Amino acid sequence: MKRRSELPFFVEFPVSPTATTFAKWPPDDEAVGPAFDPGQGSGLAGGAYTGDDGDFKKGRTKPVFIAIGALTVVGVAGLAGLAVMKNATTIDVSQAAVEKQQLYLLPKAEQIPKWRVWAIQTEEKHLRQEAFAQLAWAKDMGGLPAIIKGLEDKDQAVRGRAAQALLEYVKVEGAAAQVRPALLKAFAIAEKGDKPQIAWALAAFKE
């Protein structure tokens, strides 16, 4: 068989634009490209990725991810700080019971100053209400302002207990002048849970 160059003539036919070109399989070695070299790494495995302008390089972290990480750490620290601050004045029922027992063992003169402290702890409901009662039974005028302040608490139970405690001051000289205006103000905004106690206290103080 003669070669193409030895033929008397050979006509080159142009490829039609609509002609379909089929891929060769298996492809030639030079068409596949160089073999994968694990030593050079890859974009997926953390090596150099050279398909863009070089922003994604090995070991480099974008500033936006650094900022997000920093904000997360600050947020967690802030929540932890709030929890510590809250726990400083809030205890559970069992802890409140232990604290009360310890205070009951003290002489009366030593108890009163400590009950005054608990009477102003607005975040602690259990011991605050007990403090109202203890100060009222002692007819302690030093603790009266704290009990009156209890009428403004957002908790109906605290407001009601404060009103009950004020009944002990009915016959205490100088108490009525402080108590009556506070009771009238509290009664105007009283709710179902504290209105009966406040009304009773007002009646006791002749209002």
C-alpha atoms as a PDB file:
ATOM      1  CA  MET A   1       0.000   0.000   0.000  1.00  0.00           C
ATOM      2  CA  LYS A   2       1.386   3.363  -1.026  1.00  0.00           C
ATOM      3  CA  ARG A   3       1.821   6.237   1.394  1.00  0.00           C
ATOM      4  CA  ARG A   4      -0.252   9.393   1.091  1.00  0.00           C
ATOM      5  CA  SER A   5       2.757  11.394  -0.110  1.00  0.00           C
ATOM      6  CA  GLU A   6       3.348   8.881  -2.891  1.00  0.00           C
ATOM      7  CA  LEU A   7      -0.174   9.200  -4.273  1.00  0.00           C
ATOM      8  CA  PRO A   8      -0.478  11.242  -7.424  1.00  0.00           C
ATOM      9  CA  PHE A   9      -2.784  13.662  -5.751  1.00  0.00           C
ATOM     10  CA  PHE A  10      -4.373  14.106  -2.328  1.00  0.00           C
ATOM     11  CA  VAL A  11      -7.288  16.380  -1.527  1.00  0.00           C
ATOM     12  CA  GLU A  12      -7.747  17.831   1.957  1.00  0.00           C
ATOM     13  CA  PHE A  13     -11.421  18.134   2.847  1.00  0.00           C
ATOM     14  CA  PRO A  14     -12.222  20.924   5.318  1.00  0.00           C
ATOM     15  CA  VAL A  15     -14.008  19.948   8.499  1.00  0.00           C
ATOM     16  CA  SER A  16     -17.582  21.108   8.568  1.00  0.00           C
ATOM     17  CA  PRO A  17     -18.511  23.453  11.446  1.00  0.00           C
ATOM     18  CA  THR A  18     -21.365  21.112  12.233  1.00  0.00           C
ATOM     19  CA  ALA A  19     -19.270  18.032  12.254  1.00  0.00           C
ATOM     20  CA  THR A  20     -19.084  16.096  15.522  1.00  0.00           C
ATOM     21  CA  THR A  21     -15.659  15.392  16.952  1.00  0.00           C
ATOM     22  CA  PHE A  22     -15.455  12.233  19.038  1.00  0.00           C
ATOM     23  CA  ALA A  23     -13.098  11.947  21.977  1.00  0.00           C
ATOM     24  CA  LYS A  24     -10.501   9.296  21.767  1.00  0.00           C
ATOM     25  CA  TRP A  25     -10.560   6.582  24.390  1.00  0.00           C
ATOM     26  CA  PRO A  26      -8.303   5.747  25.934  1.00  0.00           C
ATOM     27  CA  PRO A  27      -6.695   9.186  25.465  1.00  0.00           C
ATOM     28  CA  ASP A  28      -3.075   9.659  24.560  1.00  0.00           C
ATOM     29  CA  ASP A  29      -0.655  10.079  27.449  1.00  0.00           C
ATOM     30  CA  GLU A  30       0.166  13.659  26.534  1.00  0.00           C
ATOM     31  CA  ALA A  31      -3.547  14.597  26.576  1.00  0.00           C
ATOM     32  CA  VAL A  32      -4.043  13.444  30.153  1.00  0.00           C
ATOM     33  CA  GLY A  33      -1.437  15.745  31.660  1.00  0.00           C
ATOM     34  CA  PRO A  34       1.188  15.021  34.311  1.00  0.00           C
ATOM     35  CA  ALA A  35       0.488  12.395  36.925  1.00  0.00           C
ATOM     36  CA  PHE A  36      -0.614  13.440  40.415  1.00  0.00           C
ATOM     37  CA  ASP A  37       2.284  13.948  42.789  1.00  0.00           C
ATOM     38  CA  PRO A  38       1.245  13.678  46.509  1.00  0.00           C
ATOM     39  CA  GLY A  39       4.373  15.583  47.497  1.00  0.00           C
ATOM     40  CA  GLN A  40       3.127  18.718  45.770  1.00  0.00           C
ATOM     41  CA  GLY A  41      -0.185  18.782  47.659  1.00  0.00           C
ATOM     42  CA  SER A  42      -3.546  19.967  46.376  1.00  0.00           C
ATOM     43  CA  GLY A  43      -6.135  22.623  47.054  1.00  0.00           C
ATOM     44  CA  LEU A  44      -8.394  20.109  48.812  1.00  0.00           C
ATOM     45  CA  ALA A  45      -5.706  18.706  51.062  1.00  0.00           C
ATOM     46  CA  GLY A  46      -4.415  22.025  52.359  1.00  0.00           C
ATOM     47  CA  GLY A  47      -1.645  22.560  49.822  1.00  0.00           C
ATOM     48  CA  ALA A  48      -1.229  25.493  47.445  1.00  0.00           C
ATOM     49  CA  TYR A  49      -4.199  26.297  45.331  1.00  0.00           C
ATOM     50  CA  THR A  50      -3.053  28.229  42.313  1.00  0.00           C
ATOM     51  CA  GLY A  51      -6.356  28.570  40.507  1.00  0.00           C
ATOM     52  CA  ASP A  52      -6.933  32.124  41.752  1.00  0.00           C
ATOM     53  CA  ASP A  53      -4.896  35.138  42.803  1.00  0.00           C
ATOM     54  CA  GLY A  54      -3.229  33.335  45.686  1.00  0.00           C
ATOM     55  CA  ASP A  55      -5.590  34.340  48.537  1.00  0.00           C
ATOM     56  CA  PHE A  56      -6.114  30.714  49.467  1.00  0.00           C
ATOM     57  CA  LYS A  57      -2.658  29.611  50.478  1.00  0.00           C
ATOM     58  CA  LYS A  58      -1.550  26.913  52.850  1.00  0.00           C
ATOM     59  CA  GLY A  59      -1.684  27.997  56.487  1.00  0.00           C
ATOM     60  CA  ARG A  60      -3.420  31.305  55.767  1.00  0.00           C
ATOM     61  CA  THR A  61      -6.735  32.205  57.441  1.00  0.00           C
ATOM     62  CA  LYS A  62      -8.978  34.926  56.083  1.00  0.00           C
ATOM     63  CA  PRO A  63      -9.537  37.923  58.402  1.00  0.00           C
ATOM     64  CA  VAL A  64     -13.311  37.402  58.423  1.00  0.00           C
ATOM     65  CA  PHE A  65     -12.929  33.990  60.077  1.00  0.00           C
ATOM     66  CA  ILE A  66     -10.535  35.444  62.650  1.00  0.00           C
ATOM     67  CA  ALA A  67     -13.086  38.153  63.482  1.00  0.00           C
ATOM     68  CA  ILE A  68     -15.925  35.628  63.851  1.00  0.00           C
ATOM     69  CA  GLY A  69     -13.805  33.497  66.153  1.00  0.00           C
ATOM     70  CA  ALA A  70     -12.886  36.483  68.313  1.00  0.00           C
ATOM     71  CA  LEU A  71     -16.517  37.582  68.639  1.00  0.00           C
ATOM     72  CA  THR A  72     -17.525  34.062  69.642  1.00  0.00           C
ATOM     73  CA  VAL A  73     -14.929  33.967  72.405  1.00  0.00           C
ATOM     74  CA  VAL A  74     -15.990  37.401  73.679  1.00  0.00           C
ATOM     75  CA  GLY A  75     -19.658  36.382  73.651  1.00  0.00           C
ATOM     76  CA  VAL A  76     -19.022  33.213  75.654  1.00  0.00           C
ATOM     77  CA  ALA A  77     -16.918  35.137  78.169  1.00  0.00           C
ATOM     78  CA  GLY A  78     -19.657  37.749  78.528  1.00  0.00           C
ATOM     79  CA  LEU A  79     -22.320  35.126  79.212  1.00  0.00           C
ATOM     80  CA  ALA A  80     -20.088  33.497  81.798  1.00  0.00           C
ATOM     81  CA  GLY A  81     -19.571  36.857  83.476  1.00  0.00           C
ATOM     82  CA  LEU A  82     -23.304  37.507  83.637  1.00  0.00           C
ATOM     83  CA  ALA A  83     -23.875  34.083  85.177  1.00  0.00           C
ATOM     84  CA  VAL A  84     -21.301  34.784  87.890  1.00  0.00           C
ATOM     85  CA  MET A  85     -22.857  38.180  88.667  1.00  0.00           C
ATOM     86  CA  LYS A  86     -26.317  36.661  88.895  1.00  0.00           C
ATOM     87  CA  ASN A  87     -25.213  33.797  91.141  1.00  0.00           C
ATOM     88  CA  ALA A  88     -23.663  36.298  93.543  1.00  0.00           C
ATOM     89  CA  THR A  89     -27.154  37.336  94.771  1.00  0.00           C
ATOM     90  CA  THR A  90     -29.313  34.372  93.714  1.00  0.00           C
ATOM     91  CA  ILE A  91     -29.367  31.036  95.530  1.00  0.00           C
ATOM     92  CA  ASP A  92     -31.662  28.039  95.355  1.00  0.00           C
ATOM     93  CA  VAL A  93     -34.202  26.945  97.977  1.00  0.00           C
ATOM     94  CA  SER A  94     -31.875  24.490  99.726  1.00  0.00           C
ATOM     95  CA  GLN A  95     -29.100  27.077 100.039  1.00  0.00           C
ATOM     96  CA  ALA A  96     -31.604  29.619 101.358  1.00  0.00           C
ATOM     97  CA  ALA A  97     -32.725  27.145 104.014  1.00  0.00           C
ATOM     98  CA  VAL A  98     -29.138  26.602 105.156  1.00  0.00           C
ATOM     99  CA  GLU A  99     -28.517  30.363 105.321  1.00  0.00           C
ATOM    100  CA  LYS A 100     -31.666  30.885 107.380  1.00  0.00           C
ATOM    101  CA  GLN A 101     -30.696  28.173 109.854  1.00  0.00           C
ATOM    102  CA  GLN A 102     -27.276  29.762 110.301  1.00  0.00           C
ATOM    103  CA  LEU A 103     -28.845  33.164 110.957  1.00  0.00           C
ATOM    104  CA  TYR A 104     -31.359  31.749 113.448  1.00  0.00           C
ATOM    105  CA  LEU A 105     -28.467  30.477 115.581  1.00  0.00           C
ATOM    106  CA  LEU A 106     -27.045  33.975 115.979  1.00  0.00           C
ATOM    107  CA  PRO A 107     -28.029  36.321 118.798  1.00  0.00           C
ATOM    108  CA  LYS A 108     -30.836  38.682 117.820  1.00  0.00           C
ATOM    109  CA  ALA A 109     -28.530  41.677 117.826  1.00  0.00           C
ATOM    110  CA  GLU A 110     -26.293  39.980 115.268  1.00  0.00           C
ATOM    111  CA  GLN A 111     -29.148  38.721 113.126  1.00  0.00           C
ATOM    112  CA  ILE A 112     -30.740  42.097 112.409  1.00  0.00           C
ATOM    113  CA  PRO A 113     -27.870  43.633 110.397  1.00  0.00           C
ATOM    114  CA  LYS A 114     -27.652  40.505 108.267  1.00  0.00           C
ATOM    115  CA  TRP A 115     -31.404  40.435 107.627  1.00  0.00           C
ATOM    116  CA  ARG A 116     -31.197  44.061 106.534  1.00  0.00           C
ATOM    117  CA  VAL A 117     -28.671  43.052 103.895  1.00  0.00           C
ATOM    118  CA  TRP A 118     -30.903  40.270 102.564  1.00  0.00           C
ATOM    119  CA  ALA A 119     -33.922  42.613 102.559  1.00  0.00           C
ATOM    120  CA  ILE A 120     -32.363  44.715  99.783  1.00  0.00           C
ATOM    121  CA  GLN A 121     -31.229  41.821  97.566  1.00  0.00           C
ATOM    122  CA  THR A 122     -33.752  42.255  94.759  1.00  0.00           C
ATOM    123  CA  GLU A 123     -32.539  39.185  92.851  1.00  0.00           C
ATOM    124  CA  GLU A 124     -32.941  36.828  95.824  1.00  0.00           C
ATOM    125  CA  LYS A 125     -36.622  36.086  96.511  1.00  0.00           C
ATOM    126  CA  HIS A 126     -36.497  33.454  99.260  1.00  0.00           C
ATOM    127  CA  LEU A 127     -34.260  35.160 101.788  1.00  0.00           C
ATOM    128  CA  ARG A 128     -35.577  38.617 100.946  1.00  0.00           C
ATOM    129  CA  GLN A 129     -39.115  37.678 101.967  1.00  0.00           C
ATOM    130  CA  GLU A 130     -37.845  35.985 105.124  1.00  0.00           C
ATOM    131  CA  ALA A 131     -35.851  39.126 105.922  1.00  0.00           C
ATOM    132  CA  PHE A 132     -39.041  41.214 105.671  1.00  0.00           C
ATOM    133  CA  ALA A 133     -40.698  38.995 108.277  1.00  0.00           C
ATOM    134  CA  GLN A 134     -37.729  38.902 110.647  1.00  0.00           C
ATOM    135  CA  LEU A 135     -37.222  42.669 110.560  1.00  0.00           C
ATOM    136  CA  ALA A 136     -40.947  43.283 111.066  1.00  0.00           C
ATOM    137  CA  TRP A 137     -41.186  40.936 114.070  1.00  0.00           C
ATOM    138  CA  ALA A 138     -38.268  42.817 115.593  1.00  0.00           C
ATOM    139  CA  LYS A 139     -40.047  46.135 114.861  1.00  0.00           C
ATOM    140  CA  ASP A 140     -36.733  47.237 113.336  1.00  0.00           C
ATOM    141  CA  MET A 141     -37.033  50.805 112.034  1.00  0.00           C
ATOM    142  CA  GLY A 142     -33.680  50.459 110.294  1.00  0.00           C
ATOM    143  CA  GLY A 143     -35.137  47.756 108.080  1.00  0.00           C
ATOM    144  CA  LEU A 144     -38.437  49.545 107.400  1.00  0.00           C
ATOM    145  CA  PRO A 145     -37.237  51.352 104.231  1.00  0.00           C
ATOM    146  CA  ALA A 146     -36.187  48.025 102.713  1.00  0.00           C
ATOM    147  CA  ILE A 147     -39.614  46.521 103.396  1.00  0.00           C
ATOM    148  CA  ILE A 148     -41.356  49.557 101.906  1.00  0.00           C
ATOM    149  CA  LYS A 149     -39.140  49.213  98.838  1.00  0.00           C
ATOM    150  CA  GLY A 150     -40.429  45.665  98.517  1.00  0.00           C
ATOM    151  CA  LEU A 151     -43.834  47.085  97.557  1.00  0.00           C
ATOM    152  CA  GLU A 152     -42.265  48.129  94.230  1.00  0.00           C
ATOM    153  CA  ASP A 153     -40.896  44.702  93.331  1.00  0.00           C
ATOM    154  CA  LYS A 154     -41.963  43.148  90.023  1.00  0.00           C
ATOM    155  CA  ASP A 155     -42.896  39.908  91.799  1.00  0.00           C
ATOM    156  CA  GLN A 156     -46.402  39.829  93.285  1.00  0.00           C
ATOM    157  CA  ALA A 157     -45.326  37.429  96.009  1.00  0.00           C
ATOM    158  CA  VAL A 158     -42.613  39.820  97.197  1.00  0.00           C
ATOM    159  CA  ARG A 159     -45.023  42.776  97.181  1.00  0.00           C
ATOM    160  CA  GLY A 160     -47.620  40.816  99.132  1.00  0.00           C
ATOM    161  CA  ARG A 161     -45.084  39.674 101.722  1.00  0.00           C
ATOM    162  CA  ALA A 162     -43.846  43.235 102.157  1.00  0.00           C
ATOM    163  CA  ALA A 163     -47.402  44.418 102.805  1.00  0.00           C
ATOM    164  CA  GLN A 164     -47.903  41.685 105.396  1.00  0.00           C
ATOM    165  CA  ALA A 165     -44.661  42.632 107.134  1.00  0.00           C
ATOM    166  CA  LEU A 166     -45.758  46.271 107.377  1.00  0.00           C
ATOM    167  CA  LEU A 167     -48.676  45.226 109.591  1.00  0.00           C
ATOM    168  CA  GLU A 168     -46.160  44.753 112.404  1.00  0.00           C
ATOM    169  CA  TYR A 169     -45.358  48.477 112.283  1.00  0.00           C
ATOM    170  CA  VAL A 170     -48.897  49.737 112.859  1.00  0.00           C
ATOM    171  CA  LYS A 171     -48.187  50.686 116.476  1.00  0.00           C
ATOM    172  CA  VAL A 172     -44.564  51.670 115.971  1.00  0.00           C
ATOM    173  CA  GLU A 173     -44.133  55.401 116.432  1.00  0.00           C
ATOM    174  CA  GLY A 174     -43.119  57.200 113.270  1.00  0.00           C
ATOM    175  CA  ALA A 175     -43.811  54.272 110.944  1.00  0.00           C
ATOM    176  CA  ALA A 176     -47.215  55.323 109.618  1.00  0.00           C
ATOM    177  CA  ALA A 177     -45.900  58.482 107.978  1.00  0.00           C
ATOM    178  CA  GLN A 178     -43.545  56.381 105.852  1.00  0.00           C
ATOM    179  CA  VAL A 179     -45.837  53.428 105.227  1.00  0.00           C
ATOM    180  CA  ARG A 180     -49.158  55.026 104.208  1.00  0.00           C
ATOM    181  CA  PRO A 181     -47.991  56.857 101.047  1.00  0.00           C
ATOM    182  CA  ALA A 182     -46.146  53.737  99.873  1.00  0.00           C
ATOM    183  CA  LEU A 183     -49.187  51.507 100.424  1.00  0.00           C
ATOM    184  CA  LEU A 184     -51.487  53.903  98.559  1.00  0.00           C
ATOM    185  CA  LYS A 185     -49.091  53.964  95.600  1.00  0.00           C
ATOM    186  CA  ALA A 186     -48.759  50.184  95.612  1.00  0.00           C
ATOM    187  CA  PHE A 187     -52.516  49.639  95.818  1.00  0.00           C
ATOM    188  CA  ALA A 188     -53.058  51.715  92.663  1.00  0.00           C
ATOM    189  CA  ILE A 189     -51.029  49.233  90.611  1.00  0.00           C
ATOM    190  CA  ALA A 190     -51.676  46.096  92.676  1.00  0.00           C
ATOM    191  CA  GLU A 191     -52.620  42.821  91.018  1.00  0.00           C
ATOM    192  CA  LYS A 192     -54.578  39.754  92.056  1.00  0.00           C
ATOM    193  CA  GLY A 193     -51.625  38.207  93.853  1.00  0.00           C
ATOM    194  CA  ASP A 194     -50.851  41.129  96.170  1.00  0.00           C
ATOM    195  CA  LYS A 195     -53.929  43.373  96.273  1.00  0.00           C
ATOM    196  CA  PRO A 196     -55.604  41.682  99.290  1.00  0.00           C
ATOM    197  CA  GLN A 197     -52.477  42.026 101.435  1.00  0.00           C
ATOM    198  CA  ILE A 198     -51.981  45.671 100.480  1.00  0.00           C
ATOM    199  CA  ALA A 199     -55.668  46.464 101.165  1.00  0.00           C
ATOM    200  CA  TRP A 200     -55.430  44.816 104.583  1.00  0.00           C
ATOM    201  CA  ALA A 201     -52.330  46.847 105.428  1.00  0.00           C
ATOM    202  CA  LEU A 202     -54.043  50.068 104.351  1.00  0.00           C
ATOM    203  CA  ALA A 203     -57.007  49.287 106.578  1.00  0.00           C
ATOM    204  CA  ALA A 204     -54.691  48.618 109.502  1.00  0.00           C
ATOM    205  CA  PHE A 205     -53.034  52.016 109.004  1.00  0.00           C
ATOM    206  CA  LYS A 206     -56.475  53.687 108.903  1.00  0.00           C
ATOM    207  CA  GLU A 207     -56.488  54.455 105.202  1.00  0.00           C
END
